[in-house]
PDB file of all heavy atoms in Angstrom:
ATOM      1  N   VAL A   1     -11.947   2.746   2.451  1.00  0.00           N
ATOM      2  CA  VAL A   1     -12.733   3.792   3.141  1.00  0.00           C
ATOM      3  C   VAL A   1     -14.238   3.402   3.061  1.00  0.00           C
ATOM      4  O   VAL A   1     -14.688   2.833   2.032  1.00  0.00           O
ATOM      5  CB  VAL A   1     -12.472   5.195   2.547  1.00  0.00           C
ATOM      6  CG1 VAL A   1     -12.898   5.257   1.104  1.00  0.00           C
ATOM      7  CG2 VAL A   1     -13.164   6.277   3.309  1.00  0.00           C
ATOM      8  N   ASP A   2     -14.982   3.665   4.114  1.00  0.00           N
ATOM      9  CA  ASP A   2     -16.404   3.523   4.052  1.00  0.00           C
ATOM     10  C   ASP A   2     -17.041   4.845   3.565  1.00  0.00           C
ATOM     11  O   ASP A   2     -16.764   5.906   4.101  1.00  0.00           O
ATOM     12  CB  ASP A   2     -16.955   3.210   5.516  1.00  0.00           C
ATOM     13  CG  ASP A   2     -16.424   1.875   6.036  1.00  0.00           C
ATOM     14  OD1 ASP A   2     -16.220   1.045   5.247  1.00  0.00           O
ATOM     15  OD2 ASP A   2     -16.255   1.805   7.261  1.00  0.00           O
ATOM     16  N   VAL A   3     -17.890   4.657   2.553  1.00  0.00           N
ATOM     17  CA  VAL A   3     -18.643   5.863   2.031  1.00  0.00           C
ATOM     18  C   VAL A   3     -20.062   5.656   2.455  1.00  0.00           C
ATOM     19  O   VAL A   3     -20.785   4.729   2.070  1.00  0.00           O
ATOM     20  CB  VAL A   3     -18.496   5.875   0.430  1.00  0.00           C
ATOM     21  CG1 VAL A   3     -19.287   7.075  -0.082  1.00  0.00           C
ATOM     22  CG2 VAL A   3     -17.020   5.953   0.086  1.00  0.00           C
ATOM     23  N   LYS A   4     -20.506   6.621   3.259  1.00  0.00           N
ATOM     24  CA  LYS A   4     -21.884   6.596   3.795  1.00  0.00           C
ATOM     25  C   LYS A   4     -22.722   7.682   3.176  1.00  0.00           C
ATOM     26  O   LYS A   4     -22.292   8.781   3.064  1.00  0.00           O
ATOM     27  CB  LYS A   4     -21.889   6.759   5.284  1.00  0.00           C
ATOM     28  CG  LYS A   4     -23.327   6.600   5.905  1.00  0.00           C
ATOM     29  CD  LYS A   4     -23.225   6.558   7.438  1.00  0.00           C
ATOM     30  CE  LYS A   4     -24.675   6.304   7.912  1.00  0.00           C
ATOM     31  NZ  LYS A   4     -24.711   6.221   9.371  1.00  0.00           N
ATOM     32  N   ASN A   5     -23.902   7.228   2.647  1.00  0.00           N
ATOM     33  CA  ASN A   5     -24.891   8.199   2.078  1.00  0.00           C
ATOM     34  C   ASN A   5     -25.723   8.699   3.208  1.00  0.00           C
ATOM     35  O   ASN A   5     -26.528   8.028   3.733  1.00  0.00           O
ATOM     36  CB  ASN A   5     -25.704   7.505   1.039  1.00  0.00           C
ATOM     37  CG  ASN A   5     -26.663   8.467   0.300  1.00  0.00           C
ATOM     38  OD1 ASN A   5     -26.970   9.492   0.817  1.00  0.00           O
ATOM     39  ND2 ASN A   5     -27.095   8.064  -0.828  1.00  0.00           N
ATOM     40  N   ILE A   6     -25.425   9.947   3.632  1.00  0.00           N
ATOM     41  CA  ILE A   6     -26.169  10.502   4.781  1.00  0.00           C
ATOM     42  C   ILE A   6     -27.338  11.419   4.274  1.00  0.00           C
ATOM     43  O   ILE A   6     -27.991  12.072   5.130  1.00  0.00           O
ATOM     44  CB  ILE A   6     -25.208  11.291   5.712  1.00  0.00           C
ATOM     45  CG1 ILE A   6     -24.505  12.416   4.965  1.00  0.00           C
ATOM     46  CG2 ILE A   6     -24.200  10.424   6.381  1.00  0.00           C
ATOM     47  CD1 ILE A   6     -23.624  13.341   5.852  1.00  0.00           C
ATOM     48  N   GLY A   7     -27.576  11.374   2.998  1.00  0.00           N
ATOM     49  CA  GLY A   7     -28.724  12.124   2.435  1.00  0.00           C
ATOM     50  C   GLY A   7     -29.981  11.291   2.387  1.00  0.00           C
ATOM     51  O   GLY A   7     -29.991  10.155   2.915  1.00  0.00           O
ATOM     52  N   LYS A   8     -30.969  11.836   1.687  1.00  0.00           N
ATOM     53  CA  LYS A   8     -32.315  11.171   1.600  1.00  0.00           C
ATOM     54  C   LYS A   8     -32.504  10.456   0.286  1.00  0.00           C
ATOM     55  O   LYS A   8     -33.578   9.938   0.045  1.00  0.00           O
ATOM     56  CB  LYS A   8     -33.342  12.169   1.902  1.00  0.00           C
ATOM     57  CG  LYS A   8     -33.303  12.723   3.271  1.00  0.00           C
ATOM     58  CD  LYS A   8     -34.456  13.726   3.520  1.00  0.00           C
ATOM     59  CE  LYS A   8     -34.276  14.288   4.946  1.00  0.00           C
ATOM     60  NZ  LYS A   8     -35.121  15.346   5.263  1.00  0.00           N
ATOM     61  N   ARG A   9     -31.502  10.523  -0.609  1.00  0.00           N
ATOM     62  CA  ARG A   9     -31.706   9.970  -1.947  1.00  0.00           C
ATOM     63  C   ARG A   9     -30.560   9.038  -2.300  1.00  0.00           C
ATOM     64  O   ARG A   9     -29.408   9.209  -1.838  1.00  0.00           O
ATOM     65  CB  ARG A   9     -31.730  11.031  -3.010  1.00  0.00           C
ATOM     66  CG  ARG A   9     -32.869  11.972  -2.851  1.00  0.00           C
ATOM     67  CD  ARG A   9     -32.971  12.897  -4.029  1.00  0.00           C
ATOM     68  NE  ARG A   9     -33.000  12.113  -5.289  1.00  0.00           N
ATOM     69  CZ  ARG A   9     -33.326  12.630  -6.378  1.00  0.00           C
ATOM     70  NH1 ARG A   9     -33.704  13.879  -6.501  1.00  0.00           N
ATOM     71  NH2 ARG A   9     -33.309  11.934  -7.496  1.00  0.00           N
ATOM     72  N   ASP A  10     -30.840   7.977  -3.050  1.00  0.00           N
ATOM     73  CA  ASP A  10     -29.770   7.089  -3.578  1.00  0.00           C
ATOM     74  C   ASP A  10     -28.804   7.922  -4.447  1.00  0.00           C
ATOM     75  O   ASP A  10     -29.328   8.925  -5.092  1.00  0.00           O
ATOM     76  CB  ASP A  10     -30.364   5.932  -4.351  1.00  0.00           C
ATOM     77  CG  ASP A  10     -31.291   5.035  -3.549  1.00  0.00           C
ATOM     78  OD1 ASP A  10     -31.336   5.151  -2.316  1.00  0.00           O
ATOM     79  OD2 ASP A  10     -31.959   4.212  -4.182  1.00  0.00           O
ATOM     80  N   GLY A  11     -27.557   7.554  -4.516  1.00  0.00           N
ATOM     81  CA  GLY A  11     -26.657   8.272  -5.377  1.00  0.00           C
ATOM     82  C   GLY A  11     -25.346   7.555  -5.619  1.00  0.00           C
ATOM     83  O   GLY A  11     -25.063   6.595  -4.970  1.00  0.00           O
ATOM     84  N   ASP A  12     -24.620   8.090  -6.577  1.00  0.00           N
ATOM     85  CA  ASP A  12     -23.311   7.591  -6.824  1.00  0.00           C
ATOM     86  C   ASP A  12     -22.257   8.588  -6.328  1.00  0.00           C
ATOM     87  O   ASP A  12     -22.488   9.825  -6.406  1.00  0.00           O
ATOM     88  CB  ASP A  12     -23.020   7.409  -8.318  1.00  0.00           C
ATOM     89  CG  ASP A  12     -23.724   6.193  -8.914  1.00  0.00           C
ATOM     90  OD1 ASP A  12     -24.505   5.474  -8.152  1.00  0.00           O
ATOM     91  OD2 ASP A  12     -23.454   5.886 -10.083  1.00  0.00           O
ATOM     92  N   GLU A  13     -21.116   8.113  -5.842  1.00  0.00           N
ATOM     93  CA  GLU A  13     -20.046   8.928  -5.438  1.00  0.00           C
ATOM     94  C   GLU A  13     -18.758   8.502  -6.120  1.00  0.00           C
ATOM     95  O   GLU A  13     -18.640   7.304  -6.344  1.00  0.00           O
ATOM     96  CB  GLU A  13     -19.832   8.941  -3.910  1.00  0.00           C
ATOM     97  CG  GLU A  13     -18.630   9.660  -3.370  1.00  0.00           C
ATOM     98  CD  GLU A  13     -18.653  11.189  -3.557  1.00  0.00           C
ATOM     99  OE1 GLU A  13     -19.275  11.657  -4.474  1.00  0.00           O
ATOM    100  OE2 GLU A  13     -17.996  11.877  -2.747  1.00  0.00           O
ATOM    101  N   VAL A  14     -17.915   9.473  -6.508  1.00  0.00           N
ATOM    102  CA  VAL A  14     -16.649   9.078  -7.080  1.00  0.00           C
ATOM    103  C   VAL A  14     -15.575   9.387  -6.021  1.00  0.00           C
ATOM    104  O   VAL A  14     -15.324  10.557  -5.733  1.00  0.00           O
ATOM    105  CB  VAL A  14     -16.371   9.833  -8.402  1.00  0.00           C
ATOM    106  CG1 VAL A  14     -15.030   9.466  -8.953  1.00  0.00           C
ATOM    107  CG2 VAL A  14     -17.493   9.587  -9.379  1.00  0.00           C
ATOM    108  N   VAL A  15     -15.016   8.310  -5.486  1.00  0.00           N
ATOM    109  CA  VAL A  15     -13.997   8.465  -4.464  1.00  0.00           C
ATOM    110  C   VAL A  15     -12.702   8.751  -5.212  1.00  0.00           C
ATOM    111  O   VAL A  15     -12.308   8.045  -6.103  1.00  0.00           O
ATOM    112  CB  VAL A  15     -13.841   7.162  -3.619  1.00  0.00           C
ATOM    113  CG1 VAL A  15     -12.744   7.289  -2.580  1.00  0.00           C
ATOM    114  CG2 VAL A  15     -15.186   6.874  -2.850  1.00  0.00           C
ATOM    115  N   GLN A  16     -11.985   9.822  -4.752  1.00  0.00           N
ATOM    116  CA  GLN A  16     -10.786  10.208  -5.439  1.00  0.00           C
ATOM    117  C   GLN A  16      -9.582  10.236  -4.449  1.00  0.00           C
ATOM    118  O   GLN A  16      -9.748  10.684  -3.323  1.00  0.00           O
ATOM    119  CB  GLN A  16     -10.916  11.660  -5.984  1.00  0.00           C
ATOM    120  CG  GLN A  16     -12.100  11.780  -6.949  1.00  0.00           C
ATOM    121  CD  GLN A  16     -12.366  13.250  -7.298  1.00  0.00           C
ATOM    122  OE1 GLN A  16     -11.604  13.825  -7.905  1.00  0.00           O
ATOM    123  NE2 GLN A  16     -13.541  13.731  -6.832  1.00  0.00           N
ATOM    124  N   ILE A  17      -8.405   9.776  -4.947  1.00  0.00           N
ATOM    125  CA  ILE A  17      -7.213   9.732  -4.073  1.00  0.00           C
ATOM    126  C   ILE A  17      -6.245  10.710  -4.756  1.00  0.00           C
ATOM    127  O   ILE A  17      -5.801  10.560  -5.917  1.00  0.00           O
ATOM    128  CB  ILE A  17      -6.564   8.346  -4.019  1.00  0.00           C
ATOM    129  CG1 ILE A  17      -7.515   7.352  -3.375  1.00  0.00           C
ATOM    130  CG2 ILE A  17      -5.267   8.431  -3.245  1.00  0.00           C
ATOM    131  CD1 ILE A  17      -7.041   5.933  -3.345  1.00  0.00           C
ATOM    132  N   TYR A  18      -5.812  11.719  -3.976  1.00  0.00           N
ATOM    133  CA  TYR A  18      -4.805  12.639  -4.385  1.00  0.00           C
ATOM    134  C   TYR A  18      -3.568  12.451  -3.538  1.00  0.00           C
ATOM    135  O   TYR A  18      -3.673  12.228  -2.343  1.00  0.00           O
ATOM    136  CB  TYR A  18      -5.253  14.097  -4.259  1.00  0.00           C
ATOM    137  CG  TYR A  18      -6.399  14.444  -5.165  1.00  0.00           C
ATOM    138  CD1 TYR A  18      -7.743  14.186  -4.833  1.00  0.00           C
ATOM    139  CD2 TYR A  18      -6.129  14.956  -6.409  1.00  0.00           C
ATOM    140  CE1 TYR A  18      -8.748  14.508  -5.665  1.00  0.00           C
ATOM    141  CE2 TYR A  18      -7.182  15.267  -7.283  1.00  0.00           C
ATOM    142  CZ  TYR A  18      -8.514  15.048  -6.895  1.00  0.00           C
ATOM    143  OH  TYR A  18      -9.546  15.351  -7.723  1.00  0.00           O
ATOM    144  N   ILE A  19      -2.384  12.559  -4.124  1.00  0.00           N
ATOM    145  CA  ILE A  19      -1.118  12.345  -3.478  1.00  0.00           C
ATOM    146  C   ILE A  19      -0.185  13.651  -3.633  1.00  0.00           C
ATOM    147  O   ILE A  19      -0.162  14.148  -4.721  1.00  0.00           O
ATOM    148  CB  ILE A  19      -0.409  11.069  -3.933  1.00  0.00           C
ATOM    149  CG1 ILE A  19      -1.184   9.827  -3.570  1.00  0.00           C
ATOM    150  CG2 ILE A  19       1.012  10.984  -3.456  1.00  0.00           C
ATOM    151  CD1 ILE A  19      -0.619   8.550  -4.021  1.00  0.00           C
ATOM    152  N   LYS A  20       0.547  13.957  -2.610  1.00  0.00           N
ATOM    153  CA  LYS A  20       1.614  14.919  -2.647  1.00  0.00           C
ATOM    154  C   LYS A  20       2.878  14.237  -2.151  1.00  0.00           C
ATOM    155  O   LYS A  20       2.919  13.593  -1.098  1.00  0.00           O
ATOM    156  CB  LYS A  20       1.292  16.103  -1.761  1.00  0.00           C
ATOM    157  CG  LYS A  20       2.421  16.998  -1.351  1.00  0.00           C
ATOM    158  CD  LYS A  20       2.946  17.751  -2.536  1.00  0.00           C
ATOM    159  CE  LYS A  20       4.071  18.722  -2.150  1.00  0.00           C
ATOM    160  NZ  LYS A  20       4.970  19.030  -3.217  1.00  0.00           N
ATOM    161  N   ASN A  21       3.902  14.300  -2.960  1.00  0.00           N
ATOM    162  CA  ASN A  21       5.178  13.746  -2.561  1.00  0.00           C
ATOM    163  C   ASN A  21       5.972  14.732  -1.718  1.00  0.00           C
ATOM    164  O   ASN A  21       6.341  15.776  -2.198  1.00  0.00           O
ATOM    165  CB  ASN A  21       6.025  13.359  -3.805  1.00  0.00           C
ATOM    166  CG  ASN A  21       7.304  12.699  -3.422  1.00  0.00           C
ATOM    167  OD1 ASN A  21       7.810  12.738  -2.282  1.00  0.00           O
ATOM    168  ND2 ASN A  21       7.929  12.137  -4.414  1.00  0.00           N
ATOM    169  N   PRO A  22       6.117  14.503  -0.396  1.00  0.00           N
ATOM    170  CA  PRO A  22       6.772  15.446   0.453  1.00  0.00           C
ATOM    171  C   PRO A  22       8.233  15.653   0.169  1.00  0.00           C
ATOM    172  O   PRO A  22       8.852  16.681   0.603  1.00  0.00           O
ATOM    173  CB  PRO A  22       6.573  14.880   1.896  1.00  0.00           C
ATOM    174  CG  PRO A  22       6.311  13.472   1.648  1.00  0.00           C
ATOM    175  CD  PRO A  22       5.659  13.322   0.304  1.00  0.00           C
ATOM    176  N   ASN A  23       8.824  14.706  -0.507  1.00  0.00           N
ATOM    177  CA  ASN A  23      10.193  14.763  -0.930  1.00  0.00           C
ATOM    178  C   ASN A  23      10.460  15.507  -2.223  1.00  0.00           C
ATOM    179  O   ASN A  23      11.606  15.567  -2.726  1.00  0.00           O
ATOM    180  CB  ASN A  23      10.889  13.384  -1.027  1.00  0.00           C
ATOM    181  CG  ASN A  23      10.800  12.644   0.295  1.00  0.00           C
ATOM    182  OD1 ASN A  23      11.004  13.225   1.377  1.00  0.00           O
ATOM    183  ND2 ASN A  23      10.475  11.341   0.282  1.00  0.00           N
ATOM    184  N   ASP A  24       9.396  16.077  -2.778  1.00  0.00           N
ATOM    185  CA  ASP A  24       9.502  16.740  -4.062  1.00  0.00           C
ATOM    186  C   ASP A  24       8.871  18.145  -3.974  1.00  0.00           C
ATOM    187  O   ASP A  24       7.729  18.401  -4.336  1.00  0.00           O
ATOM    188  CB  ASP A  24       8.761  15.973  -5.177  1.00  0.00           C
ATOM    189  CG  ASP A  24       8.913  16.555  -6.555  1.00  0.00           C
ATOM    190  OD1 ASP A  24       9.697  17.458  -6.770  1.00  0.00           O
ATOM    191  OD2 ASP A  24       8.116  16.100  -7.466  1.00  0.00           O
ATOM    192  N   PRO A  25       9.575  19.088  -3.333  1.00  0.00           N
ATOM    193  CA  PRO A  25       9.077  20.419  -3.107  1.00  0.00           C
ATOM    194  C   PRO A  25       8.630  21.212  -4.337  1.00  0.00           C
ATOM    195  O   PRO A  25       7.775  22.059  -4.320  1.00  0.00           O
ATOM    196  CB  PRO A  25      10.120  21.176  -2.334  1.00  0.00           C
ATOM    197  CG  PRO A  25      11.410  20.406  -2.607  1.00  0.00           C
ATOM    198  CD  PRO A  25      10.995  19.020  -2.925  1.00  0.00           C
ATOM    199  N   GLU A  26       9.221  20.935  -5.505  1.00  0.00           N
ATOM    200  CA  GLU A  26       8.953  21.582  -6.785  1.00  0.00           C
ATOM    201  C   GLU A  26       7.832  20.891  -7.480  1.00  0.00           C
ATOM    202  O   GLU A  26       7.331  21.361  -8.510  1.00  0.00           O
ATOM    203  CB  GLU A  26      10.178  21.649  -7.657  1.00  0.00           C
ATOM    204  CG  GLU A  26      11.332  22.470  -7.072  1.00  0.00           C
ATOM    205  CD  GLU A  26      10.930  23.884  -6.732  1.00  0.00           C
ATOM    206  OE1 GLU A  26      10.323  24.547  -7.676  1.00  0.00           O
ATOM    207  OE2 GLU A  26      11.292  24.345  -5.679  1.00  0.00           O
ATOM    208  N   GLY A  27       7.406  19.684  -7.026  1.00  0.00           N
ATOM    209  CA  GLY A  27       6.431  18.869  -7.656  1.00  0.00           C
ATOM    210  C   GLY A  27       4.996  19.391  -7.417  1.00  0.00           C
ATOM    211  O   GLY A  27       4.798  20.412  -6.745  1.00  0.00           O
ATOM    212  N   PRO A  28       4.047  18.608  -7.950  1.00  0.00           N
ATOM    213  CA  PRO A  28       2.672  18.997  -7.803  1.00  0.00           C
ATOM    214  C   PRO A  28       2.208  19.191  -6.316  1.00  0.00           C
ATOM    215  O   PRO A  28       2.741  18.424  -5.465  1.00  0.00           O
ATOM    216  CB  PRO A  28       1.871  17.924  -8.433  1.00  0.00           C
ATOM    217  CG  PRO A  28       2.912  17.171  -9.304  1.00  0.00           C
ATOM    218  CD  PRO A  28       4.189  17.397  -8.637  1.00  0.00           C
ATOM    219  N   ILE A  29       1.300  20.101  -6.087  1.00  0.00           N
ATOM    220  CA  ILE A  29       0.683  20.280  -4.792  1.00  0.00           C
ATOM    221  C   ILE A  29      -0.153  19.047  -4.420  1.00  0.00           C
ATOM    222  O   ILE A  29      -0.174  18.587  -3.295  1.00  0.00           O
ATOM    223  CB  ILE A  29      -0.183  21.596  -4.753  1.00  0.00           C
ATOM    224  CG1 ILE A  29       0.687  22.758  -4.952  1.00  0.00           C
ATOM    225  CG2 ILE A  29      -1.031  21.625  -3.483  1.00  0.00           C
ATOM    226  CD1 ILE A  29      -0.083  24.076  -5.228  1.00  0.00           C
ATOM    227  N   LYS A  30      -0.768  18.483  -5.419  1.00  0.00           N
ATOM    228  CA  LYS A  30      -1.548  17.228  -5.376  1.00  0.00           C
ATOM    229  C   LYS A  30      -1.681  16.650  -6.755  1.00  0.00           C
ATOM    230  O   LYS A  30      -1.598  17.416  -7.739  1.00  0.00           O
ATOM    231  CB  LYS A  30      -2.842  17.467  -4.703  1.00  0.00           C
ATOM    232  CG  LYS A  30      -3.785  18.303  -5.475  1.00  0.00           C
ATOM    233  CD  LYS A  30      -5.136  18.456  -4.773  1.00  0.00           C
ATOM    234  CE  LYS A  30      -6.129  19.351  -5.549  1.00  0.00           C
ATOM    235  NZ  LYS A  30      -7.352  19.481  -4.856  1.00  0.00           N
ATOM    236  N   ALA A  31      -1.813  15.378  -6.808  1.00  0.00           N
ATOM    237  CA  ALA A  31      -2.036  14.687  -8.114  1.00  0.00           C
ATOM    238  C   ALA A  31      -2.976  13.523  -7.952  1.00  0.00           C
ATOM    239  O   ALA A  31      -2.844  12.739  -6.998  1.00  0.00           O
ATOM    240  CB  ALA A  31      -0.656  14.202  -8.678  1.00  0.00           C
ATOM    241  N   LEU A  32      -3.980  13.466  -8.819  1.00  0.00           N
ATOM    242  CA  LEU A  32      -4.953  12.385  -8.751  1.00  0.00           C
ATOM    243  C   LEU A  32      -4.271  11.043  -9.166  1.00  0.00           C
ATOM    244  O   LEU A  32      -3.719  10.969 -10.194  1.00  0.00           O
ATOM    245  CB  LEU A  32      -6.160  12.656  -9.703  1.00  0.00           C
ATOM    246  CG  LEU A  32      -7.228  11.586  -9.795  1.00  0.00           C
ATOM    247  CD1 LEU A  32      -8.003  11.491  -8.520  1.00  0.00           C
ATOM    248  CD2 LEU A  32      -8.191  11.866 -10.910  1.00  0.00           C
ATOM    249  N   LYS A  33      -4.338  10.044  -8.246  1.00  0.00           N
ATOM    250  CA  LYS A  33      -3.662   8.776  -8.486  1.00  0.00           C
ATOM    251  C   LYS A  33      -4.623   7.643  -8.453  1.00  0.00           C
ATOM    252  O   LYS A  33      -4.206   6.505  -8.843  1.00  0.00           O
ATOM    253  CB  LYS A  33      -2.563   8.568  -7.434  1.00  0.00           C
ATOM    254  CG  LYS A  33      -1.494   9.607  -7.481  1.00  0.00           C
ATOM    255  CD  LYS A  33      -0.704   9.560  -8.775  1.00  0.00           C
ATOM    256  CE  LYS A  33       0.439  10.545  -8.795  1.00  0.00           C
ATOM    257  NZ  LYS A  33       1.242  10.411  -9.993  1.00  0.00           N
ATOM    258  N   GLY A  34      -5.817   7.828  -8.100  1.00  0.00           N
ATOM    259  CA  GLY A  34      -6.805   6.689  -8.084  1.00  0.00           C
ATOM    260  C   GLY A  34      -8.226   7.225  -7.917  1.00  0.00           C
ATOM    261  O   GLY A  34      -8.406   8.270  -7.255  1.00  0.00           O
TER     262      GLY A  34
END
């Protein structure tokens, strides 16, 4: 993914990946995986 700083200051961003397993209806709504 391209992360663009559209503000006026330099900064750090933490890109997060959340996953939901559609085959697991009782499982988490989302889970941080990266």
